Amino acid sequence: SLGCVELNLTDAAHAWPYLTYGSLVTVERGALTPAGSPTA
């Protein structure tokens, strides 16, 4: 991209309702090992 975080259509549609106003977004270098498992 030219600076944005791009997703495919399905993932973007799923992410958008969660990313409401005030939600924090972190961009970090390196691998991420998040706790837990993805949940629909």
Full PDB file with SEQRES, HELIX, SHEET, SSBOND, CRYST1, ORIGX, SCALE, CONECT and MASTER records, all heavy atoms in Angstrom:
SEQRES   1 A   40  SER LEU GLY CYS VAL GLU LEU ASN LEU THR ASP ALA ALA          
SEQRES   2 A   40  HIS ALA TRP PRO TYR LEU THR TYR GLY SER LEU VAL THR          
SEQRES   3 A   40  VAL GLU ARG GLY ALA LEU THR PRO ALA GLY SER PRO THR          
SEQRES   4 A   40  ALA                                                          
HELIX    1 AA1 LEU A    9  ALA A   15  1                                   7    
CRYST1    1.000    1.000    1.000  90.00  90.00  90.00 P 1           1          
ORIGX1      1.000000  0.000000  0.000000        0.00000                         
ORIGX2      0.000000  1.000000  0.000000        0.00000                         
ORIGX3      0.000000  0.000000  1.000000        0.00000                         
SCALE1      1.000000  0.000000  0.000000        0.00000                         
SCALE2      0.000000  1.000000  0.000000        0.00000                         
SCALE3      0.000000  0.000000  1.000000        0.00000                         
ATOM      1  N   SER A   1       0.821  -1.209   0.000  1.00  0.00           N  
ATOM      2  CA  SER A   1       0.000   0.000   0.000  1.00  0.00           C  
ATOM      3  C   SER A   1       0.858   1.262   0.000  1.00  0.00           C  
ATOM      4  O   SER A   1       2.097   1.206   0.058  1.00  0.00           O  
ATOM      5  CB  SER A   1      -0.921   0.016   1.223  1.00  0.00           C  
ATOM      6  OG  SER A   1      -0.198   0.384   2.386  1.00  0.00           O  
ATOM      7  N   LEU A   2       0.181   2.406  -0.017  1.00  0.00           N  
ATOM      8  CA  LEU A   2       0.850   3.701   0.092  1.00  0.00           C  
ATOM      9  C   LEU A   2       0.658   4.283   1.498  1.00  0.00           C  
ATOM     10  O   LEU A   2       0.508   5.482   1.675  1.00  0.00           O  
ATOM     11  CB  LEU A   2       0.311   4.670  -0.963  1.00  0.00           C  
ATOM     12  CG  LEU A   2       0.569   4.281  -2.416  1.00  0.00           C  
ATOM     13  CD1 LEU A   2      -0.008   5.329  -3.359  1.00  0.00           C  
ATOM     14  CD2 LEU A   2       2.061   4.090  -2.681  1.00  0.00           C  
ATOM     15  N   GLY A   3       0.652   3.405   2.492  1.00  0.00           N  
ATOM     16  CA  GLY A   3       0.554   3.828   3.884  1.00  0.00           C  
ATOM     17  C   GLY A   3      -0.633   3.271   4.627  1.00  0.00           C  
ATOM     18  O   GLY A   3      -0.655   3.305   5.866  1.00  0.00           O  
ATOM     19  N   CYS A   4      -1.622   2.778   3.910  1.00  0.00           N  
ATOM     20  CA  CYS A   4      -2.808   2.228   4.567  1.00  0.00           C  
ATOM     21  C   CYS A   4      -2.610   0.764   4.938  1.00  0.00           C  
ATOM     22  O   CYS A   4      -1.635   0.122   4.543  1.00  0.00           O  
ATOM     23  CB  CYS A   4      -4.024   2.367   3.659  1.00  0.00           C  
ATOM     24  SG  CYS A   4      -4.605   4.068   3.479  1.00  0.00           S  
ATOM     25  N   VAL A   5      -3.564   0.249   5.723  1.00  0.00           N  
ATOM     26  CA  VAL A   5      -3.614  -1.168   6.046  1.00  0.00           C  
ATOM     27  C   VAL A   5      -4.731  -1.767   5.202  1.00  0.00           C  
ATOM     28  O   VAL A   5      -5.914  -1.501   5.443  1.00  0.00           O  
ATOM     29  CB  VAL A   5      -3.886  -1.391   7.551  1.00  0.00           C  
ATOM     30  CG1 VAL A   5      -3.986  -2.883   7.855  1.00  0.00           C  
ATOM     31  CG2 VAL A   5      -2.792  -0.742   8.402  1.00  0.00           C  
ATOM     32  N   GLU A   6      -4.345  -2.524   4.190  1.00  0.00           N  
ATOM     33  CA  GLU A   6      -5.315  -3.054   3.227  1.00  0.00           C  
ATOM     34  C   GLU A   6      -5.747  -4.467   3.600  1.00  0.00           C  
ATOM     35  O   GLU A   6      -4.938  -5.283   4.060  1.00  0.00           O  
ATOM     36  CB  GLU A   6      -4.704  -3.066   1.825  1.00  0.00           C  
ATOM     37  CG  GLU A   6      -4.333  -1.690   1.303  1.00  0.00           C  
ATOM     38  CD  GLU A   6      -3.599  -1.752  -0.017  1.00  0.00           C  
ATOM     39  OE1 GLU A   6      -3.109  -2.852  -0.399  1.00  0.00           O  
ATOM     40  OE2 GLU A   6      -3.498  -0.699  -0.677  1.00  0.00           O  
ATOM     41  N   LEU A   7      -7.035  -4.751   3.370  1.00  0.00           N  
ATOM     42  CA  LEU A   7      -7.613  -6.072   3.598  1.00  0.00           C  
ATOM     43  C   LEU A   7      -8.401  -6.485   2.369  1.00  0.00           C  
ATOM     44  O   LEU A   7      -8.804  -5.644   1.554  1.00  0.00           O  
ATOM     45  CB  LEU A   7      -8.561  -6.033   4.810  1.00  0.00           C  
ATOM     46  CG  LEU A   7      -7.995  -5.573   6.159  1.00  0.00           C  
ATOM     47  CD1 LEU A   7      -9.126  -5.443   7.175  1.00  0.00           C  
ATOM     48  CD2 LEU A   7      -6.925  -6.527   6.661  1.00  0.00           C  
ATOM     49  N   ASN A   8      -8.644  -7.790   2.264  1.00  0.00           N  
ATOM     50  CA  ASN A   8      -9.551  -8.221   1.197  1.00  0.00           C  
ATOM     51  C   ASN A   8     -10.974  -7.841   1.573  1.00  0.00           C  
ATOM     52  O   ASN A   8     -11.242  -7.394   2.696  1.00  0.00           O  
ATOM     53  CB  ASN A   8      -9.406  -9.724   0.906  1.00  0.00           C  
ATOM     54  CG  ASN A   8      -9.851 -10.600   2.071  1.00  0.00           C  
ATOM     55  OD1 ASN A   8     -10.854 -10.321   2.745  1.00  0.00           O  
ATOM     56  ND2 ASN A   8      -9.107 -11.665   2.333  1.00  0.00           N  
ATOM     57  N   LEU A   9     -11.913  -7.999   0.656  1.00  0.00           N  
ATOM     58  CA  LEU A   9     -13.268  -7.494   0.861  1.00  0.00           C  
ATOM     59  C   LEU A   9     -13.953  -8.163   2.047  1.00  0.00           C  
ATOM     60  O   LEU A   9     -14.575  -7.485   2.885  1.00  0.00           O  
ATOM     61  CB  LEU A   9     -14.095  -7.710  -0.407  1.00  0.00           C  
ATOM     62  CG  LEU A   9     -15.528  -7.166  -0.367  1.00  0.00           C  
ATOM     63  CD1 LEU A   9     -15.521  -5.655  -0.122  1.00  0.00           C  
ATOM     64  CD2 LEU A   9     -16.276  -7.509  -1.659  1.00  0.00           C  
ATOM     65  N   THR A  10     -13.830  -9.472   2.166  1.00  0.00           N  
ATOM     66  CA  THR A  10     -14.498 -10.181   3.264  1.00  0.00           C  
ATOM     67  C   THR A  10     -13.955  -9.753   4.620  1.00  0.00           C  
ATOM     68  O   THR A  10     -14.713  -9.476   5.559  1.00  0.00           O  
ATOM     69  CB  THR A  10     -14.338 -11.701   3.088  1.00  0.00           C  
ATOM     70  OG1 THR A  10     -14.926 -12.098   1.841  1.00  0.00           O  
ATOM     71  CG2 THR A  10     -15.010 -12.455   4.227  1.00  0.00           C  
ATOM     72  N   ASP A  11     -12.631  -9.671   4.734  1.00  0.00           N  
ATOM     73  CA  ASP A  11     -12.025  -9.301   6.013  1.00  0.00           C  
ATOM     74  C   ASP A  11     -12.301  -7.836   6.367  1.00  0.00           C  
ATOM     75  O   ASP A  11     -12.511  -7.493   7.540  1.00  0.00           O  
ATOM     76  CB  ASP A  11     -10.517  -9.547   5.961  1.00  0.00           C  
ATOM     77  CG  ASP A  11     -10.178 -11.030   5.930  1.00  0.00           C  
ATOM     78  OD1 ASP A  11     -11.025 -11.839   6.363  1.00  0.00           O  
ATOM     79  OD2 ASP A  11      -9.076 -11.384   5.466  1.00  0.00           O  
ATOM     80  N   ALA A  12     -12.307  -6.962   5.343  1.00  0.00           N  
ATOM     81  CA  ALA A  12     -12.597  -5.543   5.596  1.00  0.00           C  
ATOM     82  C   ALA A  12     -14.028  -5.361   6.075  1.00  0.00           C  
ATOM     83  O   ALA A  12     -14.303  -4.555   6.986  1.00  0.00           O  
ATOM     84  CB  ALA A  12     -12.347  -4.725   4.341  1.00  0.00           C  
ATOM     85  N   ALA A  13     -14.962  -6.088   5.468  1.00  0.00           N  
ATOM     86  CA  ALA A  13     -16.365  -6.002   5.874  1.00  0.00           C  
ATOM     87  C   ALA A  13     -16.549  -6.506   7.304  1.00  0.00           C  
ATOM     88  O   ALA A  13     -17.367  -5.973   8.067  1.00  0.00           O  
ATOM     89  CB  ALA A  13     -17.235  -6.807   4.914  1.00  0.00           C  
ATOM     90  N   HIS A  14     -15.765  -7.509   7.684  1.00  0.00           N  
ATOM     91  CA  HIS A  14     -15.861  -8.044   9.030  1.00  0.00           C  
ATOM     92  C   HIS A  14     -15.218  -7.113  10.054  1.00  0.00           C  
ATOM     93  O   HIS A  14     -15.700  -6.968  11.192  1.00  0.00           O  
ATOM     94  CB  HIS A  14     -15.184  -9.417   9.080  1.00  0.00           C  
ATOM     95  CG  HIS A  14     -15.368 -10.136  10.383  1.00  0.00           C  
ATOM     96  ND1 HIS A  14     -14.409 -10.138  11.375  1.00  0.00           N  
ATOM     97  CD2 HIS A  14     -16.413 -10.861  10.866  1.00  0.00           C  
ATOM     98  CE1 HIS A  14     -14.848 -10.840  12.412  1.00  0.00           C  
ATOM     99  NE2 HIS A  14     -16.060 -11.291  12.128  1.00  0.00           N  
ATOM    100  N   ALA A  15     -14.140  -6.441   9.678  1.00  0.00           N  
ATOM    101  CA  ALA A  15     -13.405  -5.578  10.607  1.00  0.00           C  
ATOM    102  C   ALA A  15     -14.120  -4.253  10.862  1.00  0.00           C  
ATOM    103  O   ALA A  15     -14.059  -3.709  11.973  1.00  0.00           O  
ATOM    104  CB  ALA A  15     -12.001  -5.306  10.064  1.00  0.00           C  
ATOM    105  N   TRP A  16     -14.796  -3.721   9.834  1.00  0.00           N  
ATOM    106  CA  TRP A  16     -15.319  -2.356   9.900  1.00  0.00           C  
ATOM    107  C   TRP A  16     -16.282  -2.105  11.067  1.00  0.00           C  
ATOM    108  O   TRP A  16     -16.174  -1.072  11.745  1.00  0.00           O  
ATOM    109  CB  TRP A  16     -15.990  -1.999   8.570  1.00  0.00           C  
ATOM    110  CG  TRP A  16     -16.222  -0.539   8.381  1.00  0.00           C  
ATOM    111  CD1 TRP A  16     -15.290   0.437   8.210  1.00  0.00           C  
ATOM    112  CD2 TRP A  16     -17.499   0.117   8.333  1.00  0.00           C  
ATOM    113  NE1 TRP A  16     -15.886   1.667   8.049  1.00  0.00           N  
ATOM    114  CE2 TRP A  16     -17.248   1.496   8.124  1.00  0.00           C  
ATOM    115  CE3 TRP A  16     -18.815  -0.317   8.437  1.00  0.00           C  
ATOM    116  CZ2 TRP A  16     -18.268   2.434   8.030  1.00  0.00           C  
ATOM    117  CZ3 TRP A  16     -19.822   0.625   8.350  1.00  0.00           C  
ATOM    118  CH2 TRP A  16     -19.562   1.983   8.138  1.00  0.00           C  
ATOM    119  N   PRO A  17     -17.215  -2.992  11.386  1.00  0.00           N  
ATOM    120  CA  PRO A  17     -18.120  -2.731  12.523  1.00  0.00           C  
ATOM    121  C   PRO A  17     -17.408  -2.662  13.870  1.00  0.00           C  
ATOM    122  O   PRO A  17     -17.904  -2.021  14.802  1.00  0.00           O  
ATOM    123  CB  PRO A  17     -19.095  -3.914  12.481  1.00  0.00           C  
ATOM    124  CG  PRO A  17     -19.019  -4.428  11.093  1.00  0.00           C  
ATOM    125  CD  PRO A  17     -17.607  -4.226  10.672  1.00  0.00           C  
ATOM    126  N   TYR A  18     -16.252  -3.304  13.980  1.00  0.00           N  
ATOM    127  CA  TYR A  18     -15.506  -3.263  15.232  1.00  0.00           C  
ATOM    128  C   TYR A  18     -14.671  -1.994  15.363  1.00  0.00           C  
ATOM    129  O   TYR A  18     -14.471  -1.486  16.474  1.00  0.00           O  
ATOM    130  CB  TYR A  18     -14.585  -4.482  15.337  1.00  0.00           C  
ATOM    131  CG  TYR A  18     -15.323  -5.790  15.487  1.00  0.00           C  
ATOM    132  CD1 TYR A  18     -15.315  -6.742  14.462  1.00  0.00           C  
ATOM    133  CD2 TYR A  18     -16.029  -6.078  16.652  1.00  0.00           C  
ATOM    134  CE1 TYR A  18     -15.989  -7.943  14.592  1.00  0.00           C  
ATOM    135  CE2 TYR A  18     -16.714  -7.280  16.791  1.00  0.00           C  
ATOM    136  CZ  TYR A  18     -16.687  -8.208  15.760  1.00  0.00           C  
ATOM    137  OH  TYR A  18     -17.368  -9.389  15.898  1.00  0.00           O  
ATOM    138  N   LEU A  19     -14.157  -1.489  14.235  1.00  0.00           N  
ATOM    139  CA  LEU A  19     -13.274  -0.323  14.266  1.00  0.00           C  
ATOM    140  C   LEU A  19     -14.103   0.960  14.324  1.00  0.00           C  
ATOM    141  O   LEU A  19     -14.134   1.754  13.387  1.00  0.00           O  
ATOM    142  CB  LEU A  19     -12.338  -0.344  13.051  1.00  0.00           C  
ATOM    143  CG  LEU A  19     -11.387  -1.537  13.000  1.00  0.00           C  
ATOM    144  CD1 LEU A  19     -10.564  -1.519  11.712  1.00  0.00           C  
ATOM    145  CD2 LEU A  19     -10.464  -1.556  14.216  1.00  0.00           C  
ATOM    146  N   THR A  20     -14.776   1.146  15.430  1.00  0.00           N  
ATOM    147  CA  THR A  20     -15.623   2.326  15.628  1.00  0.00           C  
ATOM    148  C   THR A  20     -14.761   3.498  16.105  1.00  0.00           C  
ATOM    149  O   THR A  20     -13.566   3.354  16.393  1.00  0.00           O  
ATOM    150  CB  THR A  20     -16.727   2.022  16.647  1.00  0.00           C  
ATOM    151  OG1 THR A  20     -16.130   1.488  17.838  1.00  0.00           O  
ATOM    152  CG2 THR A  20     -17.699   0.997  16.079  1.00  0.00           C  
ATOM    153  N   TYR A  21     -15.378   4.669  16.201  1.00  0.00           N  
ATOM    154  CA  TYR A  21     -14.651   5.872  16.596  1.00  0.00           C  
ATOM    155  C   TYR A  21     -13.999   5.693  17.969  1.00  0.00           C  
ATOM    156  O   TYR A  21     -14.619   5.206  18.909  1.00  0.00           O  
ATOM    157  CB  TYR A  21     -15.586   7.069  16.630  1.00  0.00           C  
ATOM    158  CG  TYR A  21     -16.047   7.506  15.260  1.00  0.00           C  
ATOM    159  CD1 TYR A  21     -17.367   7.320  14.853  1.00  0.00           C  
ATOM    160  CD2 TYR A  21     -15.151   8.097  14.369  1.00  0.00           C  
ATOM    161  CE1 TYR A  21     -17.789   7.724  13.592  1.00  0.00           C  
ATOM    162  CE2 TYR A  21     -15.560   8.500  13.104  1.00  0.00           C  
ATOM    163  CZ  TYR A  21     -16.886   8.308  12.724  1.00  0.00           C  
ATOM    164  OH  TYR A  21     -17.285   8.699  11.476  1.00  0.00           O  
ATOM    165  N   GLY A  22     -12.730   6.079  18.033  1.00  0.00           N  
ATOM    166  CA  GLY A  22     -11.980   5.976  19.276  1.00  0.00           C  
ATOM    167  C   GLY A  22     -11.227   4.683  19.442  1.00  0.00           C  
ATOM    168  O   GLY A  22     -10.382   4.579  20.348  1.00  0.00           O  
ATOM    169  N   SER A  23     -11.496   3.677  18.604  1.00  0.00           N  
ATOM    170  CA  SER A  23     -10.777   2.410  18.712  1.00  0.00           C  
ATOM    171  C   SER A  23      -9.299   2.631  18.401  1.00  0.00           C  
ATOM    172  O   SER A  23      -8.951   3.280  17.411  1.00  0.00           O  
ATOM    173  CB  SER A  23     -11.363   1.384  17.733  1.00  0.00           C  
ATOM    174  OG  SER A  23     -12.720   1.130  18.023  1.00  0.00           O  
ATOM    175  N   LEU A  24      -8.427   2.097  19.222  1.00  0.00           N  
ATOM    176  CA  LEU A  24      -6.994   2.262  19.006  1.00  0.00           C  
ATOM    177  C   LEU A  24      -6.478   1.251  17.993  1.00  0.00           C  
ATOM    178  O   LEU A  24      -6.819   0.063  18.054  1.00  0.00           O  
ATOM    179  CB  LEU A  24      -6.230   2.107  20.322  1.00  0.00           C  
ATOM    180  CG  LEU A  24      -6.543   3.119  21.422  1.00  0.00           C  
ATOM    181  CD1 LEU A  24      -5.625   2.891  22.625  1.00  0.00           C  
ATOM    182  CD2 LEU A  24      -6.407   4.550  20.917  1.00  0.00           C  
ATOM    183  N   VAL A  25      -5.636   1.742  17.084  1.00  0.00           N  
ATOM    184  CA  VAL A  25      -4.991   0.892  16.082  1.00  0.00           C  
ATOM    185  C   VAL A  25      -3.487   1.073  16.231  1.00  0.00           C  
ATOM    186  O   VAL A  25      -2.973   2.203  16.156  1.00  0.00           O  
ATOM    187  CB  VAL A  25      -5.426   1.262  14.659  1.00  0.00           C  
ATOM    188  CG1 VAL A  25      -4.685   0.401  13.639  1.00  0.00           C  
ATOM    189  CG2 VAL A  25      -6.930   1.107  14.489  1.00  0.00           C  
ATOM    190  N   THR A  26      -2.786  -0.026  16.444  1.00  0.00           N  
ATOM    191  CA  THR A  26      -1.328  -0.005  16.570  1.00  0.00           C  
ATOM    192  C   THR A  26      -0.701  -0.615  15.320  1.00  0.00           C  
ATOM    193  O   THR A  26      -1.139  -1.673  14.859  1.00  0.00           O  
ATOM    194  CB  THR A  26      -0.866  -0.798  17.806  1.00  0.00           C  
ATOM    195  OG1 THR A  26      -1.322  -0.127  18.986  1.00  0.00           O  
ATOM    196  CG2 THR A  26       0.645  -0.923  17.858  1.00  0.00           C  
ATOM    197  N   VAL A  27       0.303   0.045  14.791  1.00  0.00           N  
ATOM    198  CA  VAL A  27       1.125  -0.510  13.717  1.00  0.00           C  
ATOM    199  C   VAL A  27       2.489  -0.781  14.326  1.00  0.00           C  
ATOM    200  O   VAL A  27       3.131   0.134  14.871  1.00  0.00           O  
ATOM    201  CB  VAL A  27       1.255   0.464  12.533  1.00  0.00           C  
ATOM    202  CG1 VAL A  27       2.177  -0.124  11.458  1.00  0.00           C  
ATOM    203  CG2 VAL A  27      -0.111   0.777  11.943  1.00  0.00           C  
ATOM    204  N   GLU A  28       2.919  -2.037  14.293  1.00  0.00           N  
ATOM    205  CA  GLU A  28       4.196  -2.386  14.913  1.00  0.00           C  
ATOM    206  C   GLU A  28       5.010  -3.283  14.003  1.00  0.00           C  
ATOM    207  O   GLU A  28       4.470  -4.029  13.176  1.00  0.00           O  
ATOM    208  CB  GLU A  28       3.976  -3.068  16.260  1.00  0.00           C  
ATOM    209  CG  GLU A  28       3.293  -4.418  16.196  1.00  0.00           C  
ATOM    210  CD  GLU A  28       3.169  -5.070  17.565  1.00  0.00           C  
ATOM    211  OE1 GLU A  28       3.177  -4.341  18.570  1.00  0.00           O  
ATOM    212  OE2 GLU A  28       3.073  -6.305  17.616  1.00  0.00           O  
ATOM    213  N   ARG A  29       6.312  -3.187  14.153  1.00  0.00           N  
ATOM    214  CA  ARG A  29       7.220  -4.043  13.391  1.00  0.00           C  
ATOM    215  C   ARG A  29       7.426  -5.354  14.121  1.00  0.00           C  
ATOM    216  O   ARG A  29       7.408  -5.404  15.348  1.00  0.00           O  
ATOM    217  CB  ARG A  29       8.567  -3.340  13.193  1.00  0.00           C  
ATOM    218  CG  ARG A  29       8.476  -2.099  12.326  1.00  0.00           C  
ATOM    219  CD  ARG A  29       9.874  -1.607  11.961  1.00  0.00           C  
ATOM    220  NE  ARG A  29       9.783  -0.464  11.055  1.00  0.00           N  
ATOM    221  CZ  ARG A  29       9.833   0.801  11.438  1.00  0.00           C  
ATOM    222  NH1 ARG A  29       9.972   1.086  12.725  1.00  0.00           N  
ATOM    223  NH2 ARG A  29       9.750   1.780  10.563  1.00  0.00           N  
ATOM    224  N   GLY A  30       7.632  -6.405  13.375  1.00  0.00           N  
ATOM    225  CA  GLY A  30       7.911  -7.696  13.976  1.00  0.00           C  
ATOM    226  C   GLY A  30       6.681  -8.564  14.100  1.00  0.00           C  
ATOM    227  O   GLY A  30       5.547  -8.129  13.891  1.00  0.00           O  
ATOM    228  N   ALA A  31       6.939  -9.812  14.482  1.00  0.00           N  
ATOM    229  CA  ALA A  31       5.863 -10.802  14.581  1.00  0.00           C  
ATOM    230  C   ALA A  31       5.022 -10.534  15.820  1.00  0.00           C  
ATOM    231  O   ALA A  31       5.496 -10.023  16.827  1.00  0.00           O  
ATOM    232  CB  ALA A  31       6.441 -12.206  14.636  1.00  0.00           C  
ATOM    233  N   LEU A  32       3.755 -10.883  15.728  1.00  0.00           N  
ATOM    234  CA  LEU A  32       2.816 -10.733  16.839  1.00  0.00           C  
ATOM    235  C   LEU A  32       2.291 -12.102  17.210  1.00  0.00           C  
ATOM    236  O   LEU A  32       1.898 -12.899  16.355  1.00  0.00           O  
ATOM    237  CB  LEU A  32       1.656  -9.825  16.440  1.00  0.00           C  
ATOM    238  CG  LEU A  32       0.504  -9.721  17.427  1.00  0.00           C  
ATOM    239  CD1 LEU A  32       0.945  -8.951  18.671  1.00  0.00           C  
ATOM    240  CD2 LEU A  32      -0.692  -9.040  16.787  1.00  0.00           C  
ATOM    241  N   THR A  33       2.323 -12.402  18.490  1.00  0.00           N  
ATOM    242  CA  THR A  33       1.759 -13.673  18.966  1.00  0.00           C  
ATOM    243  C   THR A  33       0.626 -13.350  19.905  1.00  0.00           C  
ATOM    244  O   THR A  33       0.794 -13.258  21.131  1.00  0.00           O  
ATOM    245  CB  THR A  33       2.818 -14.503  19.681  1.00  0.00           C  
ATOM    246  OG1 THR A  33       3.949 -14.663  18.835  1.00  0.00           O  
ATOM    247  CG2 THR A  33       2.269 -15.889  20.034  1.00  0.00           C  
ATOM    248  N   PRO A  34      -0.572 -13.093  19.394  1.00  0.00           N  
ATOM    249  CA  PRO A  34      -1.684 -12.695  20.258  1.00  0.00           C  
ATOM    250  C   PRO A  34      -2.212 -13.832  21.089  1.00  0.00           C  
ATOM    251  O   PRO A  34      -2.093 -15.006  20.718  1.00  0.00           O  
ATOM    252  CB  PRO A  34      -2.742 -12.225  19.245  1.00  0.00           C  
ATOM    253  CG  PRO A  34      -2.438 -13.013  18.017  1.00  0.00           C  
ATOM    254  CD  PRO A  34      -0.954 -13.195  17.979  1.00  0.00           C  
ATOM    255  N   ALA A  35      -2.743 -13.487  22.239  1.00  0.00           N  
ATOM    256  CA  ALA A  35      -3.347 -14.473  23.116  1.00  0.00           C  
ATOM    257  C   ALA A  35      -4.730 -14.854  22.602  1.00  0.00           C  
ATOM    258  O   ALA A  35      -5.443 -14.035  22.013  1.00  0.00           O  
ATOM    259  CB  ALA A  35      -3.440 -13.932  24.527  1.00  0.00           C  
ATOM    260  N   GLY A  36      -5.084 -16.092  22.794  1.00  0.00           N  
ATOM    261  CA  GLY A  36      -6.435 -16.520  22.419  1.00  0.00           C  
ATOM    262  C   GLY A  36      -6.514 -16.967  20.983  1.00  0.00           C  
ATOM    263  O   GLY A  36      -5.528 -17.032  20.243  1.00  0.00           O  
ATOM    264  N   SER A  37      -7.724 -17.220  20.553  1.00  0.00           N  
ATOM    265  CA  SER A  37      -7.965 -17.697  19.200  1.00  0.00           C  
ATOM    266  C   SER A  37      -9.015 -16.827  18.530  1.00  0.00           C  
ATOM    267  O   SER A  37      -9.905 -16.301  19.197  1.00  0.00           O  
ATOM    268  CB  SER A  37      -8.459 -19.146  19.223  1.00  0.00           C  
ATOM    269  OG  SER A  37      -7.519 -19.973  19.866  1.00  0.00           O  
ATOM    270  N   PRO A  38      -8.900 -16.649  17.213  1.00  0.00           N  
ATOM    271  CA  PRO A  38      -9.912 -15.849  16.518  1.00  0.00           C  
ATOM    272  C   PRO A  38     -11.306 -16.411  16.722  1.00  0.00           C  
ATOM    273  O   PRO A  38     -11.496 -17.633  16.759  1.00  0.00           O  
ATOM    274  CB  PRO A  38      -9.476 -15.934  15.056  1.00  0.00           C  
ATOM    275  CG  PRO A  38      -8.030 -16.279  15.102  1.00  0.00           C  
ATOM    276  CD  PRO A  38      -7.856 -17.152  16.310  1.00  0.00           C  
ATOM    277  N   THR A  39     -12.263 -15.519  16.876  1.00  0.00           N  
ATOM    278  CA  THR A  39     -13.651 -15.915  17.066  1.00  0.00           C  
ATOM    279  C   THR A  39     -14.517 -15.126  16.104  1.00  0.00           C  
ATOM    280  O   THR A  39     -14.367 -13.927  15.987  1.00  0.00           O  
ATOM    281  CB  THR A  39     -14.114 -15.638  18.500  1.00  0.00           C  
ATOM    282  OG1 THR A  39     -13.218 -16.283  19.411  1.00  0.00           O  
ATOM    283  CG2 THR A  39     -15.508 -16.183  18.733  1.00  0.00           C  
ATOM    284  N   ALA A  40     -15.398 -15.770  15.419  1.00  0.00           N  
ATOM    285  CA  ALA A  40     -16.245 -15.090  14.443  1.00  0.00           C  
ATOM    286  C   ALA A  40     -17.167 -14.134  15.144  1.00  0.00           C  
ATOM    287  O   ALA A  40     -17.575 -14.385  16.269  1.00  0.00           O  
ATOM    288  CB  ALA A  40     -17.039 -16.095  13.646  1.00  0.00           C  
TER     289      ALA A  40                                                      
MASTER        0    0    0    1    0    0    0    6  288    1    0    4          
END                                                                             
